[in-house]
Amino acid sequence: QVQLVESGGGLVQAGDSLRLSCATSGVTFTNFAMAWFRQAPGKEREFVAAISRNGLSTDYTDSVKGRFAISRDNAKNTVYLQMNSLNPEDTADYYCAADRLLGVNELPARNHYLYDYWGQGTQVTVSS
């Protein structure tokens, strides 16, 4: 059974940091590029960041560049999202997703319809 389990969300103040984790099981983790998406109330799910299978390539949406960092530990089957300088616009449910790709250095698409597996989400609330 494939499982992606996010953790690390919470309520923080503007300017604070959080580190999200997504632990995977039931899949060969290194076969998947990984990504984080978020969805705010009343809005569509949006791409946040992605990382290739080997961890050497990353992609970020413009609004988080320089503040967020995605990483992965293939030995622990876990992907992380370090979020710094949080602001109220970052408030959302955050989801990790897995996309099976052939290329070890290939980045997944930003379209959430293309992903194979999803976690259940973790809530991040940033107060002003």
Foldseek 3Di string as FASTA:
>chain_A
DWAWAKDWADEEAAQAKIKMKIAIDPDQLLQWKKFKWWDAPPGDIFGAKIAFSQRPDMDGDPVQPPFWDWGDDSVRRMIMIIGGRDDQVPWTWMKMFIAGDDDRRDIDDGDPVRTDDMHPTDTHGYHD
